[in-house]
Amino acid sequence: MILDDFVQFDANGLYCKYGGFYIDPVQPVEKAVISHAHADHAVAGNREVWCTVGTQAFMLFRYTKNAAKIFNVAVYRQQFNICGVAITFIPAGHMLGSAQVLMEYQGTTYLYTGDFKLQADATCEPLEWVKADVLITESTFANPATQHPDPVLEISKLNDIKINILLGAYGLGKSQRLIRLINDHAPQKAVLVHHRIMPLNLVYEKAGYALGKYQLYNRKLMKNQQEYVYIVPPFTFDSYIRATGVKRLFASGWKNLQVNSQDTLYISDHADWNDILEMIKQVQPTQIWTLHGDGKHLREHFNDTLFVKLLN
């Protein structure tokens, strides 16, 4: 039997009262199951955390001693138990260490996707399918009008830009994916990275994910050649708004973050409309619960054929 209140939002985030834990809480809590290490899903200060080894590595790097008092690290597809709720981490394909959270309680399965993507990504574990009675899915881009382009075609646009490029990207996950894509599909470009991105790259490489060639940014380098791509985090990108002699691009699935009318770089690490429909097809849920976005389009799409509940 599906429990309508199996997970609910409160001031601290998404709470499973049957297991006494939060999933990706927005405030520090006693027990937290963390799907991945992006800051909007993994906050500091939780007392006890369950996560993958990749997520732990990034949390420890970012938060040091404040990451959590107790870490419980589980490998993918290895079941563990929190107060009677059986939990299994399933690869989500979003970034290194990202996991879907499969929960089983009283014979019913609930799958929290976390952030996920279906597109190929050589810098993280690929998404895996699992069936569940209830699919609790992110709906960041759950709109029929949203279809993400092929990232290889997008990154190949850099080949036609003959001046140095200032490329804005989130430091964790997106930057590492871009480094690998540039090495694979725009190999004549030399990749420079901001000093805050460099230690994150080392975590990837320690985990066995080769990113290809890159080096720490040096101002003198970009003055002498025209084939550099300098990858910087958002705060640095914004501070260079008046930069001259470079093409400014921001790699994102959000249209409002594209800064040039002539050149765009739509590379998203989230599922688009068709990907979410494929997730539903593969999971074969009886019910869909949406969060982290607007689920109204899914409700309209399935109408009376599949129950859709909007959690937020």
C-alpha atoms as a PDB file:
ATOM      1  CA  MET A   1       0.000   0.000   0.000  1.00  0.00           C
ATOM      2  CA  ILE A   2       1.310   3.439  -0.961  1.00  0.00           C
ATOM      3  CA  LEU A   3       1.536   5.767   2.029  1.00  0.00           C
ATOM      4  CA  ASP A   4       0.500   9.238   0.912  1.00  0.00           C
ATOM      5  CA  ASP A   5       2.584  10.817   3.662  1.00  0.00           C
ATOM      6  CA  PHE A   6       5.702   8.675   3.203  1.00  0.00           C
ATOM      7  CA  VAL A   7       7.695  11.848   2.526  1.00  0.00           C
ATOM      8  CA  GLN A   8       6.589  15.414   3.171  1.00  0.00           C
ATOM      9  CA  PHE A   9       8.214  18.835   3.201  1.00  0.00           C
ATOM     10  CA  ASP A  10       8.726  20.812   6.374  1.00  0.00           C
ATOM     11  CA  ALA A  11      11.009  23.723   7.316  1.00  0.00           C
ATOM     12  CA  ASN A  12      14.104  21.483   7.129  1.00  0.00           C
ATOM     13  CA  GLY A  13      13.310  19.876   3.790  1.00  0.00           C
ATOM     14  CA  LEU A  14      11.934  16.538   2.599  1.00  0.00           C
ATOM     15  CA  TYR A  15      11.212  14.319   5.611  1.00  0.00           C
ATOM     16  CA  CYS A  16      10.477  10.593   5.848  1.00  0.00           C
ATOM     17  CA  LYS A  17       8.786  10.228   9.227  1.00  0.00           C
ATOM     18  CA  TYR A  18       8.686   6.427   8.939  1.00  0.00           C
ATOM     19  CA  GLY A  19      12.494   6.296   8.913  1.00  0.00           C
ATOM     20  CA  GLY A  20      13.114   9.469  10.890  1.00  0.00           C
ATOM     21  CA  PHE A  21      15.439  10.939   8.248  1.00  0.00           C
ATOM     22  CA  TYR A  22      15.548  13.788   5.756  1.00  0.00           C
ATOM     23  CA  ILE A  23      16.515  13.524   2.098  1.00  0.00           C
ATOM     24  CA  ASP A  24      18.744  16.398   0.950  1.00  0.00           C
ATOM     25  CA  PRO A  25      17.684  18.661   3.841  1.00  0.00           C
ATOM     26  CA  VAL A  26      18.052  22.413   3.442  1.00  0.00           C
ATOM     27  CA  GLN A  27      18.944  22.870   7.118  1.00  0.00           C
ATOM     28  CA  PRO A  28      21.196  20.731   9.365  1.00  0.00           C
ATOM     29  CA  VAL A  29      19.292  17.769  10.843  1.00  0.00           C
ATOM     30  CA  GLU A  30      19.917  14.676  12.952  1.00  0.00           C
ATOM     31  CA  LYS A  31      19.739  12.154  10.089  1.00  0.00           C
ATOM     32  CA  ALA A  32      20.265  13.033   6.434  1.00  0.00           C
ATOM     33  CA  VAL A  33      20.353  10.923   3.292  1.00  0.00           C
ATOM     34  CA  ILE A  34      22.280  12.948   0.690  1.00  0.00           C
ATOM     35  CA  SER A  35      21.788  12.274  -3.019  1.00  0.00           C
ATOM     36  CA  HIS A  36      24.786  14.282  -4.255  1.00  0.00           C
ATOM     37  CA  ALA A  37      27.266  16.943  -3.218  1.00  0.00           C
ATOM     38  CA  HIS A  38      25.912  20.127  -4.809  1.00  0.00           C
ATOM     39  CA  ALA A  39      25.372  22.714  -2.101  1.00  0.00           C
ATOM     40  CA  ASP A  40      21.602  22.951  -2.619  1.00  0.00           C
ATOM     41  CA  HIS A  41      21.359  19.237  -1.736  1.00  0.00           C
ATOM     42  CA  ALA A  42      24.238  18.757   0.700  1.00  0.00           C
ATOM     43  CA  VAL A  43      24.405  21.274   3.540  1.00  0.00           C
ATOM     44  CA  ALA A  44      26.976  21.287   6.322  1.00  0.00           C
ATOM     45  CA  GLY A  45      26.272  20.509   9.954  1.00  0.00           C
ATOM     46  CA  ASN A  46      24.143  17.353   9.823  1.00  0.00           C
ATOM     47  CA  ARG A  47      24.796  14.998  12.717  1.00  0.00           C
ATOM     48  CA  GLU A  48      24.607  11.736  10.745  1.00  0.00           C
ATOM     49  CA  VAL A  49      24.809  11.391   6.969  1.00  0.00           C
ATOM     50  CA  TRP A  50      24.279   8.497   4.558  1.00  0.00           C
ATOM     51  CA  CYS A  51      25.810   9.006   1.096  1.00  0.00           C
ATOM     52  CA  THR A  52      28.108   7.555  -1.566  1.00  0.00           C
ATOM     53  CA  VAL A  53      31.886   7.707  -1.356  1.00  0.00           C
ATOM     54  CA  GLY A  54      32.006  10.414  -4.030  1.00  0.00           C
ATOM     55  CA  THR A  55      29.539  12.599  -2.182  1.00  0.00           C
ATOM     56  CA  GLN A  56      31.469  12.162   1.057  1.00  0.00           C
ATOM     57  CA  ALA A  57      34.715  13.215  -0.633  1.00  0.00           C
ATOM     58  CA  PHE A  58      33.235  16.460  -1.910  1.00  0.00           C
ATOM     59  CA  MET A  59      31.460  17.251   1.366  1.00  0.00           C
ATOM     60  CA  LEU A  60      34.659  16.725   3.325  1.00  0.00           C
ATOM     61  CA  PHE A  61      36.573  18.955   0.918  1.00  0.00           C
ATOM     62  CA  ARG A  62      33.976  21.720   1.031  1.00  0.00           C
ATOM     63  CA  TYR A  63      32.933  21.615   4.690  1.00  0.00           C
ATOM     64  CA  THR A  64      35.946  19.917   6.372  1.00  0.00           C
ATOM     65  CA  LYS A  65      35.131  19.147  10.031  1.00  0.00           C
ATOM     66  CA  ASN A  66      31.616  20.602   9.691  1.00  0.00           C
ATOM     67  CA  ALA A  67      30.611  18.156   6.942  1.00  0.00           C
ATOM     68  CA  ALA A  68      28.915  15.779   9.432  1.00  0.00           C
ATOM     69  CA  LYS A  69      29.613  14.209  12.789  1.00  0.00           C
ATOM     70  CA  ILE A  70      29.020  10.676  11.428  1.00  0.00           C
ATOM     71  CA  PHE A  71      29.320   9.465   7.829  1.00  0.00           C
ATOM     72  CA  ASN A  72      27.748   6.198   6.692  1.00  0.00           C
ATOM     73  CA  VAL A  73      29.099   5.478   3.215  1.00  0.00           C
ATOM     74  CA  ALA A  74      27.266   2.983   1.019  1.00  0.00           C
ATOM     75  CA  VAL A  75      28.206   1.665  -2.407  1.00  0.00           C
ATOM     76  CA  TYR A  76      25.697   1.612  -5.235  1.00  0.00           C
ATOM     77  CA  ARG A  77      23.083  -1.161  -5.040  1.00  0.00           C
ATOM     78  CA  GLN A  78      24.133  -2.130  -1.514  1.00  0.00           C
ATOM     79  CA  GLN A  79      21.045  -2.001   0.693  1.00  0.00           C
ATOM     80  CA  PHE A  80      21.126  -0.467   4.167  1.00  0.00           C
ATOM     81  CA  ASN A  81      18.437   0.235   6.744  1.00  0.00           C
ATOM     82  CA  ILE A  82      17.367   3.333   8.671  1.00  0.00           C
ATOM     83  CA  CYS A  83      14.725   2.663  11.320  1.00  0.00           C
ATOM     84  CA  GLY A  84      12.908   0.046   9.254  1.00  0.00           C
ATOM     85  CA  VAL A  85      13.194   1.743   5.844  1.00  0.00           C
ATOM     86  CA  ALA A  86      15.425  -0.224   3.457  1.00  0.00           C
ATOM     87  CA  ILE A  87      17.468   2.101   1.253  1.00  0.00           C
ATOM     88  CA  THR A  88      19.594   1.515  -1.833  1.00  0.00           C
ATOM     89  CA  PHE A  89      21.653   4.029  -3.778  1.00  0.00           C
ATOM     90  CA  ILE A  90      21.261   3.791  -7.571  1.00  0.00           C
ATOM     91  CA  PRO A  91      23.515   5.820  -9.940  1.00  0.00           C
ATOM     92  CA  ALA A  92      21.782   9.015 -11.096  1.00  0.00           C
ATOM     93  CA  GLY A  93      24.180  10.177 -13.827  1.00  0.00           C
ATOM     94  CA  HIS A  94      24.101  13.785 -12.592  1.00  0.00           C
ATOM     95  CA  MET A  95      27.700  14.125 -11.327  1.00  0.00           C
ATOM     96  CA  LEU A  96      30.354  12.012  -9.635  1.00  0.00           C
ATOM     97  CA  GLY A  97      28.776  10.206  -6.662  1.00  0.00           C
ATOM     98  CA  SER A  98      25.199  11.229  -7.453  1.00  0.00           C
ATOM     99  CA  ALA A  99      22.527   8.730  -6.463  1.00  0.00           C
ATOM    100  CA  GLN A 100      18.878   7.992  -6.785  1.00  0.00           C
ATOM    101  CA  VAL A 101      17.485   6.902  -3.433  1.00  0.00           C
ATOM    102  CA  LEU A 102      15.377   3.732  -3.588  1.00  0.00           C
ATOM    103  CA  MET A 103      13.362   3.242  -0.392  1.00  0.00           C
ATOM    104  CA  GLU A 104      11.315   0.187   0.540  1.00  0.00           C
ATOM    105  CA  TYR A 105       8.843   0.194   3.412  1.00  0.00           C
ATOM    106  CA  GLN A 106       6.093  -2.321   4.185  1.00  0.00           C
ATOM    107  CA  GLY A 107       6.374  -3.868   0.736  1.00  0.00           C
ATOM    108  CA  THR A 108       6.122  -0.597  -1.212  1.00  0.00           C
ATOM    109  CA  THR A 109       9.009   1.035  -3.086  1.00  0.00           C
ATOM    110  CA  TYR A 110       9.607   4.775  -3.431  1.00  0.00           C
ATOM    111  CA  LEU A 111      12.304   6.101  -5.766  1.00  0.00           C
ATOM    112  CA  TYR A 112      13.679   9.597  -5.167  1.00  0.00           C
ATOM    113  CA  THR A 113      15.606  10.520  -8.306  1.00  0.00           C
ATOM    114  CA  GLY A 114      17.572  13.452  -6.935  1.00  0.00           C
ATOM    115  CA  ASP A 115      19.015  15.432  -9.840  1.00  0.00           C
ATOM    116  CA  PHE A 116      19.593  13.103 -12.773  1.00  0.00           C
ATOM    117  CA  LYS A 117      20.452  13.056 -16.449  1.00  0.00           C
ATOM    118  CA  LEU A 118      20.360  10.529 -19.262  1.00  0.00           C
ATOM    119  CA  GLN A 119      22.988  12.178 -21.491  1.00  0.00           C
ATOM    120  CA  ALA A 120      26.331  10.427 -21.701  1.00  0.00           C
ATOM    121  CA  ASP A 121      28.974  11.813 -19.346  1.00  0.00           C
ATOM    122  CA  ALA A 122      32.473  10.359 -19.096  1.00  0.00           C
ATOM    123  CA  THR A 123      33.044  12.041 -15.715  1.00  0.00           C
ATOM    124  CA  CYS A 124      30.473  10.195 -13.621  1.00  0.00           C
ATOM    125  CA  GLU A 125      28.649   6.911 -13.150  1.00  0.00           C
ATOM    126  CA  PRO A 126      25.878   6.516 -15.778  1.00  0.00           C
ATOM    127  CA  LEU A 127      22.268   6.470 -14.666  1.00  0.00           C
ATOM    128  CA  GLU A 128      20.801   3.046 -13.987  1.00  0.00           C
ATOM    129  CA  TRP A 129      17.146   2.058 -14.163  1.00  0.00           C
ATOM    130  CA  VAL A 130      15.154   0.547 -11.337  1.00  0.00           C
ATOM    131  CA  LYS A 131      11.426  -0.046 -10.971  1.00  0.00           C
ATOM    132  CA  ALA A 132       9.367   1.444  -8.151  1.00  0.00           C
ATOM    133  CA  ASP A 133       5.759   1.909  -7.070  1.00  0.00           C
ATOM    134  CA  VAL A 134       6.200   5.654  -6.522  1.00  0.00           C
ATOM    135  CA  LEU A 135       8.547   7.860  -8.543  1.00  0.00           C
ATOM    136  CA  ILE A 136       9.588  11.006  -6.654  1.00  0.00           C
ATOM    137  CA  THR A 137      11.173  12.935  -9.488  1.00  0.00           C
ATOM    138  CA  GLU A 138      12.893  16.254  -9.902  1.00  0.00           C
ATOM    139  CA  SER A 139      10.994  18.408 -12.391  1.00  0.00           C
ATOM    140  CA  THR A 140      13.495  21.225 -12.989  1.00  0.00           C
ATOM    141  CA  PHE A 141      12.886  21.132 -16.736  1.00  0.00           C
ATOM    142  CA  ALA A 142       9.574  19.248 -16.797  1.00  0.00           C
ATOM    143  CA  ASN A 143       8.147  21.277 -19.651  1.00  0.00           C
ATOM    144  CA  PRO A 144       7.346  19.974 -23.156  1.00  0.00           C
ATOM    145  CA  ALA A 145       9.016  23.077 -24.580  1.00  0.00           C
ATOM    146  CA  THR A 146      12.374  22.093 -23.053  1.00  0.00           C
ATOM    147  CA  GLN A 147      14.607  19.742 -25.000  1.00  0.00           C
ATOM    148  CA  HIS A 148      18.330  19.769 -24.312  1.00  0.00           C
ATOM    149  CA  PRO A 149      20.618  19.609 -27.352  1.00  0.00           C
ATOM    150  CA  ASP A 150      23.414  17.119 -27.860  1.00  0.00           C
ATOM    151  CA  PRO A 151      26.331  18.254 -25.642  1.00  0.00           C
ATOM    152  CA  VAL A 152      28.862  17.134 -28.250  1.00  0.00           C
ATOM    153  CA  LEU A 153      27.308  19.455 -30.841  1.00  0.00           C
ATOM    154  CA  GLU A 154      27.249  22.247 -28.289  1.00  0.00           C
ATOM    155  CA  ILE A 155      30.882  21.922 -27.213  1.00  0.00           C
ATOM    156  CA  SER A 156      31.927  21.626 -30.862  1.00  0.00           C
ATOM    157  CA  LYS A 157      30.802  25.240 -31.308  1.00  0.00           C
ATOM    158  CA  LEU A 158      34.036  26.231 -29.566  1.00  0.00           C
ATOM    159  CA  ASN A 159      35.959  25.078 -32.642  1.00  0.00           C
ATOM    160  CA  ASP A 160      34.530  28.003 -34.630  1.00  0.00           C
ATOM    161  CA  ILE A 161      35.506  30.655 -32.074  1.00  0.00           C
ATOM    162  CA  LYS A 162      38.954  31.925 -32.959  1.00  0.00           C
ATOM    163  CA  ILE A 163      39.607  34.111 -29.927  1.00  0.00           C
ATOM    164  CA  ASN A 164      40.142  33.135 -26.305  1.00  0.00           C
ATOM    165  CA  ILE A 165      37.028  32.067 -24.454  1.00  0.00           C
ATOM    166  CA  LEU A 166      35.952  32.896 -20.910  1.00  0.00           C
ATOM    167  CA  LEU A 167      33.674  29.999 -20.033  1.00  0.00           C
ATOM    168  CA  GLY A 168      31.499  30.270 -16.945  1.00  0.00           C
ATOM    169  CA  ALA A 169      30.375  27.056 -15.266  1.00  0.00           C
ATOM    170  CA  TYR A 170      29.518  25.700 -11.850  1.00  0.00           C
ATOM    171  CA  GLY A 171      32.745  24.496 -10.285  1.00  0.00           C
ATOM    172  CA  LEU A 172      31.585  21.049  -9.192  1.00  0.00           C
ATOM    173  CA  GLY A 173      30.351  18.619 -11.821  1.00  0.00           C
ATOM    174  CA  LYS A 174      29.823  20.933 -14.785  1.00  0.00           C
ATOM    175  CA  SER A 175      33.426  22.186 -14.976  1.00  0.00           C
ATOM    176  CA  GLN A 176      34.867  18.664 -14.964  1.00  0.00           C
ATOM    177  CA  ARG A 177      32.414  17.548 -17.635  1.00  0.00           C
ATOM    178  CA  LEU A 178      33.379  20.545 -19.791  1.00  0.00           C
ATOM    179  CA  ILE A 179      37.101  19.833 -19.462  1.00  0.00           C
ATOM    180  CA  ARG A 180      36.568  16.282 -20.709  1.00  0.00           C
ATOM    181  CA  LEU A 181      34.223  17.406 -23.527  1.00  0.00           C
ATOM    182  CA  ILE A 182      36.701  20.032 -24.716  1.00  0.00           C
ATOM    183  CA  ASN A 183      39.568  17.531 -24.696  1.00  0.00           C
ATOM    184  CA  ASP A 184      37.474  15.045 -26.649  1.00  0.00           C
ATOM    185  CA  HIS A 185      35.717  17.330 -29.144  1.00  0.00           C
ATOM    186  CA  ALA A 186      37.699  20.583 -29.340  1.00  0.00           C
ATOM    187  CA  PRO A 187      41.213  19.219 -28.761  1.00  0.00           C
ATOM    188  CA  GLN A 188      43.028  22.182 -30.316  1.00  0.00           C
ATOM    189  CA  LYS A 189      41.777  24.322 -27.419  1.00  0.00           C
ATOM    190  CA  ALA A 190      43.983  24.580 -24.331  1.00  0.00           C
ATOM    191  CA  VAL A 191      41.982  24.431 -21.114  1.00  0.00           C
ATOM    192  CA  LEU A 192      42.781  26.731 -18.209  1.00  0.00           C
ATOM    193  CA  VAL A 193      40.942  26.398 -14.907  1.00  0.00           C
ATOM    194  CA  HIS A 194      40.320  28.755 -12.023  1.00  0.00           C
ATOM    195  CA  HIS A 195      42.216  27.956  -8.823  1.00  0.00           C
ATOM    196  CA  ARG A 196      38.985  27.016  -7.016  1.00  0.00           C
ATOM    197  CA  ILE A 197      38.186  24.366  -9.621  1.00  0.00           C
ATOM    198  CA  MET A 198      41.605  22.704  -9.536  1.00  0.00           C
ATOM    199  CA  PRO A 199      41.203  20.781  -6.220  1.00  0.00           C
ATOM    200  CA  LEU A 200      37.790  19.485  -7.331  1.00  0.00           C
ATOM    201  CA  ASN A 201      39.442  18.075 -10.453  1.00  0.00           C
ATOM    202  CA  LEU A 202      41.862  16.187  -8.232  1.00  0.00           C
ATOM    203  CA  VAL A 203      38.979  14.463  -6.440  1.00  0.00           C
ATOM    204  CA  TYR A 204      37.679  13.263  -9.818  1.00  0.00           C
ATOM    205  CA  GLU A 205      41.075  11.978 -10.864  1.00  0.00           C
ATOM    206  CA  LYS A 206      41.628  10.232  -7.547  1.00  0.00           C
ATOM    207  CA  ALA A 207      38.313   8.459  -8.152  1.00  0.00           C
ATOM    208  CA  GLY A 208      39.604   7.223 -11.516  1.00  0.00           C
ATOM    209  CA  TYR A 209      37.965   9.716 -13.878  1.00  0.00           C
ATOM    210  CA  ALA A 210      40.482  11.134 -16.359  1.00  0.00           C
ATOM    211  CA  LEU A 211      39.557  14.658 -17.444  1.00  0.00           C
ATOM    212  CA  GLY A 212      42.232  15.163 -20.075  1.00  0.00           C
ATOM    213  CA  LYS A 213      44.658  18.061 -20.382  1.00  0.00           C
ATOM    214  CA  TYR A 214      44.227  21.284 -18.418  1.00  0.00           C
ATOM    215  CA  GLN A 215      46.354  23.661 -16.389  1.00  0.00           C
ATOM    216  CA  LEU A 216      45.953  26.303 -13.750  1.00  0.00           C
ATOM    217  CA  TYR A 217      45.137  29.758 -15.129  1.00  0.00           C
ATOM    218  CA  ASN A 218      48.044  32.076 -15.792  1.00  0.00           C
ATOM    219  CA  ARG A 219      47.253  35.589 -17.030  1.00  0.00           C
ATOM    220  CA  LYS A 220      50.301  35.714 -19.291  1.00  0.00           C
ATOM    221  CA  LEU A 221      49.208  32.652 -21.258  1.00  0.00           C
ATOM    222  CA  MET A 222      46.036  34.183 -22.664  1.00  0.00           C
ATOM    223  CA  LYS A 223      47.921  37.275 -23.833  1.00  0.00           C
ATOM    224  CA  ASN A 224      50.128  35.275 -26.145  1.00  0.00           C
ATOM    225  CA  GLN A 225      47.761  32.809 -27.830  1.00  0.00           C
ATOM    226  CA  GLN A 226      44.169  32.660 -29.106  1.00  0.00           C
ATOM    227  CA  GLU A 227      43.071  29.081 -28.477  1.00  0.00           C
ATOM    228  CA  TYR A 228      42.523  29.098 -24.715  1.00  0.00           C
ATOM    229  CA  VAL A 229      39.326  28.269 -22.864  1.00  0.00           C
ATOM    230  CA  TYR A 230      39.426  29.629 -19.330  1.00  0.00           C
ATOM    231  CA  ILE A 231      36.808  27.894 -17.147  1.00  0.00           C
ATOM    232  CA  VAL A 232      35.706  29.991 -14.185  1.00  0.00           C
ATOM    233  CA  PRO A 233      33.012  29.676 -11.495  1.00  0.00           C
ATOM    234  CA  PRO A 234      29.976  32.004 -11.649  1.00  0.00           C
ATOM    235  CA  PHE A 235      31.252  34.665  -9.215  1.00  0.00           C
ATOM    236  CA  THR A 236      34.431  35.132 -11.263  1.00  0.00           C
ATOM    237  CA  PHE A 237      32.530  35.081 -14.548  1.00  0.00           C
ATOM    238  CA  ASP A 238      30.265  37.878 -13.316  1.00  0.00           C
ATOM    239  CA  SER A 239      33.237  39.955 -12.181  1.00  0.00           C
ATOM    240  CA  TYR A 240      34.654  39.815 -15.718  1.00  0.00           C
ATOM    241  CA  ILE A 241      31.563  41.346 -17.311  1.00  0.00           C
ATOM    242  CA  ARG A 242      33.648  44.037 -19.035  1.00  0.00           C
ATOM    243  CA  ALA A 243      36.414  41.710 -20.167  1.00  0.00           C
ATOM    244  CA  THR A 244      37.720  42.533 -23.638  1.00  0.00           C
ATOM    245  CA  GLY A 245      39.467  40.374 -26.202  1.00  0.00           C
ATOM    246  CA  VAL A 246      37.585  37.227 -25.152  1.00  0.00           C
ATOM    247  CA  LYS A 247      34.299  35.557 -26.014  1.00  0.00           C
ATOM    248  CA  ARG A 248      32.140  35.192 -22.892  1.00  0.00           C
ATOM    249  CA  LEU A 249      29.995  32.055 -22.672  1.00  0.00           C
ATOM    250  CA  PHE A 250      28.163  30.392 -19.793  1.00  0.00           C
ATOM    251  CA  ALA A 251      27.499  26.651 -19.995  1.00  0.00           C
ATOM    252  CA  SER A 252      24.031  25.945 -18.658  1.00  0.00           C
ATOM    253  CA  GLY A 253      20.627  24.508 -19.457  1.00  0.00           C
ATOM    254  CA  TRP A 254      19.030  27.785 -18.342  1.00  0.00           C
ATOM    255  CA  LYS A 255      18.348  30.219 -21.187  1.00  0.00           C
ATOM    256  CA  ASN A 256      18.656  33.238 -18.918  1.00  0.00           C
ATOM    257  CA  LEU A 257      22.308  32.357 -18.237  1.00  0.00           C
ATOM    258  CA  GLN A 258      23.255  32.540 -21.907  1.00  0.00           C
ATOM    259  CA  VAL A 259      25.098  35.845 -22.283  1.00  0.00           C
ATOM    260  CA  ASN A 260      25.487  36.215 -26.064  1.00  0.00           C
ATOM    261  CA  SER A 261      22.769  36.359 -28.683  1.00  0.00           C
ATOM    262  CA  GLN A 262      25.238  35.031 -31.282  1.00  0.00           C
ATOM    263  CA  ASP A 263      26.767  32.200 -29.266  1.00  0.00           C
ATOM    264  CA  THR A 264      25.111  29.888 -26.760  1.00  0.00           C
ATOM    265  CA  LEU A 265      26.314  26.827 -24.911  1.00  0.00           C
ATOM    266  CA  TYR A 266      23.301  24.840 -23.741  1.00  0.00           C
ATOM    267  CA  ILE A 267      24.825  22.020 -21.742  1.00  0.00           C
ATOM    268  CA  SER A 268      22.622  20.821 -18.922  1.00  0.00           C
ATOM    269  CA  ASP A 269      23.209  18.238 -16.212  1.00  0.00           C
ATOM    270  CA  HIS A 270      19.481  17.777 -15.638  1.00  0.00           C
ATOM    271  CA  ALA A 271      16.799  15.748 -17.377  1.00  0.00           C
ATOM    272  CA  ASP A 272      14.657  17.505 -19.959  1.00  0.00           C
ATOM    273  CA  TRP A 273      11.005  16.740 -20.740  1.00  0.00           C
ATOM    274  CA  ASN A 274      11.697  13.679 -22.880  1.00  0.00           C
ATOM    275  CA  ASP A 275      14.186  12.325 -20.355  1.00  0.00           C
ATOM    276  CA  ILE A 276      11.638  12.583 -17.552  1.00  0.00           C
ATOM    277  CA  LEU A 277       9.098  10.742 -19.686  1.00  0.00           C
ATOM    278  CA  GLU A 278      11.710   8.039 -20.335  1.00  0.00           C
ATOM    279  CA  MET A 279      12.391   7.802 -16.600  1.00  0.00           C
ATOM    280  CA  ILE A 280       8.674   7.266 -15.980  1.00  0.00           C
ATOM    281  CA  LYS A 281       8.534   4.653 -18.740  1.00  0.00           C
ATOM    282  CA  GLN A 282      11.453   2.709 -17.266  1.00  0.00           C
ATOM    283  CA  VAL A 283      10.439   2.965 -13.588  1.00  0.00           C
ATOM    284  CA  GLN A 284       6.807   2.029 -14.322  1.00  0.00           C
ATOM    285  CA  PRO A 285       5.387   3.730 -11.220  1.00  0.00           C
ATOM    286  CA  THR A 286       1.809   3.661 -10.040  1.00  0.00           C
ATOM    287  CA  GLN A 287       2.163   7.255  -8.857  1.00  0.00           C
ATOM    288  CA  ILE A 288       4.460  10.201  -9.663  1.00  0.00           C
ATOM    289  CA  TRP A 289       5.361  12.788  -7.044  1.00  0.00           C
ATOM    290  CA  THR A 290       7.178  15.874  -8.331  1.00  0.00           C
ATOM    291  CA  LEU A 291       9.535  18.287  -6.601  1.00  0.00           C
ATOM    292  CA  HIS A 292      12.360  20.744  -7.368  1.00  0.00           C
ATOM    293  CA  GLY A 293      10.321  22.344 -10.133  1.00  0.00           C
ATOM    294  CA  ASP A 294       6.814  22.558 -11.559  1.00  0.00           C
ATOM    295  CA  GLY A 295       5.003  19.268 -12.096  1.00  0.00           C
ATOM    296  CA  LYS A 296       1.849  20.729 -13.615  1.00  0.00           C
ATOM    297  CA  HIS A 297       2.856  19.780 -17.162  1.00  0.00           C
ATOM    298  CA  LEU A 298       3.280  16.146 -16.121  1.00  0.00           C
ATOM    299  CA  ARG A 299      -0.126  16.207 -14.458  1.00  0.00           C
ATOM    300  CA  GLU A 300      -1.671  17.600 -17.637  1.00  0.00           C
ATOM    301  CA  HIS A 301       0.245  15.134 -19.823  1.00  0.00           C
ATOM    302  CA  PHE A 302      -0.908  12.045 -17.952  1.00  0.00           C
ATOM    303  CA  ASN A 303      -4.349  13.451 -17.139  1.00  0.00           C
ATOM    304  CA  ASP A 304      -6.322  10.518 -15.692  1.00  0.00           C
ATOM    305  CA  THR A 305      -3.972   7.746 -16.843  1.00  0.00           C
ATOM    306  CA  LEU A 306      -1.397   8.167 -14.040  1.00  0.00           C
ATOM    307  CA  PHE A 307      -1.699   9.915 -10.685  1.00  0.00           C
ATOM    308  CA  VAL A 308       0.651  12.893 -10.344  1.00  0.00           C
ATOM    309  CA  LYS A 309       1.106  14.710  -7.033  1.00  0.00           C
ATOM    310  CA  LEU A 310       2.982  17.991  -6.689  1.00  0.00           C
ATOM    311  CA  LEU A 311       5.011  17.873  -3.462  1.00  0.00           C
ATOM    312  CA  ASN A 312       6.059  21.532  -3.649  1.00  0.00           C
END
